[in-house]
Amino acid sequence: MSRLYNMGVEISGFSAARVEDIKTAAEEEWPFGDWAEREGELTSLAESTLCGGETEDEFADRLAKAIWTANNAFCLVTVHATCLEHLPCEIHSRDESDYDRLLKDDEA
């Protein structure tokens, strides 16, 4: 089973000399692109699917491990996971009592 996700990653405290290695490692785990780098932080967003029953936590672990290996040291890795198949929504259903109520409001 696969689920569509938008994953965002924020990386800070990394070695400036390892930026390209970090980006490459992250892109091998998820189709990140269009990296932003400002004030010692790398960020990127991308949509893809989690497959094989992988959870968000398992993905975050896999991504962090790849980034730490590329950085050759610890750096802070934060993942923002949004499942695009189950976004919050409001449902507004009207029944017969609403029909009567709304029509009576128009007659009054």
Protein backbone atom coordinates (compact mmCIF):
# COMPACT_ATOMS: atom_id res chain seq x y z
CA MET A 1 0.00 0.00 0.00
CA SER A 2 1.30 3.46 -0.82
CA ARG A 3 0.19 6.83 0.49
CA LEU A 4 0.81 10.23 -1.10
CA TYR A 5 2.79 12.64 1.09
CA ASN A 6 4.27 16.10 1.00
CA MET A 7 7.49 15.90 2.99
CA GLY A 8 9.40 18.94 4.10
CA VAL A 9 12.86 18.74 5.59
CA GLU A 10 14.79 21.31 7.63
CA ILE A 11 18.45 20.66 8.34
CA SER A 12 20.62 22.81 10.60
CA GLY A 13 23.97 22.52 12.36
CA PHE A 14 25.58 20.80 9.36
CA SER A 15 29.08 21.15 7.97
CA ALA A 16 29.13 23.83 5.26
CA ALA A 17 31.69 21.75 3.36
CA ARG A 18 29.18 18.86 3.16
CA VAL A 19 26.14 20.72 1.78
CA GLU A 20 26.16 19.06 -1.65
CA ASP A 21 26.67 15.62 -0.09
CA ILE A 22 23.75 16.24 2.26
CA LYS A 23 21.45 17.34 -0.56
CA THR A 24 22.42 14.32 -2.67
CA ALA A 25 21.85 11.91 0.24
CA ALA A 26 18.43 13.41 0.99
CA GLU A 27 17.44 13.30 -2.69
CA GLU A 28 18.29 9.59 -2.79
CA GLU A 29 15.68 9.03 -0.06
CA TRP A 30 12.94 11.38 -1.36
CA PRO A 31 12.64 13.47 -4.55
CA PHE A 32 13.67 16.74 -2.89
CA GLY A 33 14.72 19.64 -5.10
CA ASP A 34 14.73 23.43 -5.09
CA TRP A 35 16.74 23.66 -1.90
CA ALA A 36 16.72 26.89 0.08
CA GLU A 37 19.75 27.76 2.19
CA ARG A 38 19.61 30.63 4.62
CA GLU A 39 21.14 31.40 7.99
CA GLY A 40 22.71 27.96 8.35
CA GLU A 41 19.55 26.05 7.46
CA LEU A 42 18.76 23.88 4.43
CA THR A 43 15.10 23.32 3.52
CA SER A 44 13.21 21.53 0.78
CA LEU A 45 9.73 20.15 0.00
CA ALA A 46 8.56 17.37 -2.30
CA GLU A 47 5.61 15.09 -2.96
CA SER A 48 5.93 11.33 -3.32
CA THR A 49 4.62 8.15 -1.79
CA LEU A 50 5.50 6.10 1.25
CA CYS A 51 5.38 2.47 0.18
CA GLY A 52 5.49 -0.97 1.70
CA GLY A 53 3.79 0.10 4.92
CA GLU A 54 6.61 2.49 5.88
CA THR A 55 5.47 4.90 8.58
CA GLU A 56 6.27 8.59 8.86
CA ASP A 57 8.60 7.82 11.80
CA GLU A 58 10.42 5.14 9.81
CA PHE A 59 10.85 7.57 6.92
CA ALA A 60 12.18 10.28 9.25
CA ASP A 61 14.69 7.77 10.68
CA ARG A 62 15.79 6.66 7.22
CA LEU A 63 16.21 10.24 6.01
CA ALA A 64 18.07 11.39 9.14
CA LYS A 65 20.47 8.44 8.93
CA ALA A 66 21.28 9.26 5.28
CA ILE A 67 21.82 12.95 6.11
CA TRP A 68 23.98 12.21 9.17
CA THR A 69 26.10 9.80 7.12
CA ALA A 70 26.56 12.43 4.41
CA ASN A 71 27.39 15.10 7.00
CA ASN A 72 29.77 12.71 8.74
CA ALA A 73 28.38 13.99 12.07
CA PHE A 74 25.17 14.86 13.85
CA CYS A 75 23.03 17.74 12.58
CA LEU A 76 19.42 18.58 13.43
CA VAL A 77 16.98 17.01 10.96
CA THR A 78 13.30 17.96 11.17
CA VAL A 79 10.70 16.34 8.89
CA HIS A 80 7.26 17.82 8.26
CA ALA A 81 5.02 15.03 6.95
CA THR A 82 1.62 15.80 5.44
CA CYS A 83 -0.48 12.91 4.18
CA LEU A 84 -2.24 14.32 1.13
CA GLU A 85 -4.84 11.55 1.06
CA HIS A 86 -6.37 12.38 4.43
CA LEU A 87 -6.28 16.14 4.72
CA PRO A 88 -8.54 17.68 7.34
CA CYS A 89 -11.82 18.86 5.94
CA GLU A 90 -15.18 20.11 7.11
CA ILE A 91 -18.28 18.24 6.01
CA HIS A 92 -21.54 20.17 5.76
CA SER A 93 -24.56 17.93 5.28
CA ARG A 94 -28.15 19.13 5.18
CA ASP A 95 -31.10 16.91 6.07
CA GLU A 96 -34.87 17.29 5.83
CA SER A 97 -35.11 19.41 8.95
CA ASP A 98 -32.61 21.85 7.39
CA TYR A 99 -34.70 21.85 4.22
CA ASP A 100 -37.78 22.82 6.17
CA ARG A 101 -35.90 25.35 8.32
CA LEU A 102 -34.25 27.07 5.41
CA LEU A 103 -37.35 27.23 3.29
CA LYS A 104 -39.41 28.57 6.22
CA ASP A 105 -36.80 31.31 6.74
CA ASP A 106 -37.37 32.42 3.12
CA GLU A 107 -41.17 32.46 3.56
CA ALA A 108 -41.10 34.55 6.74
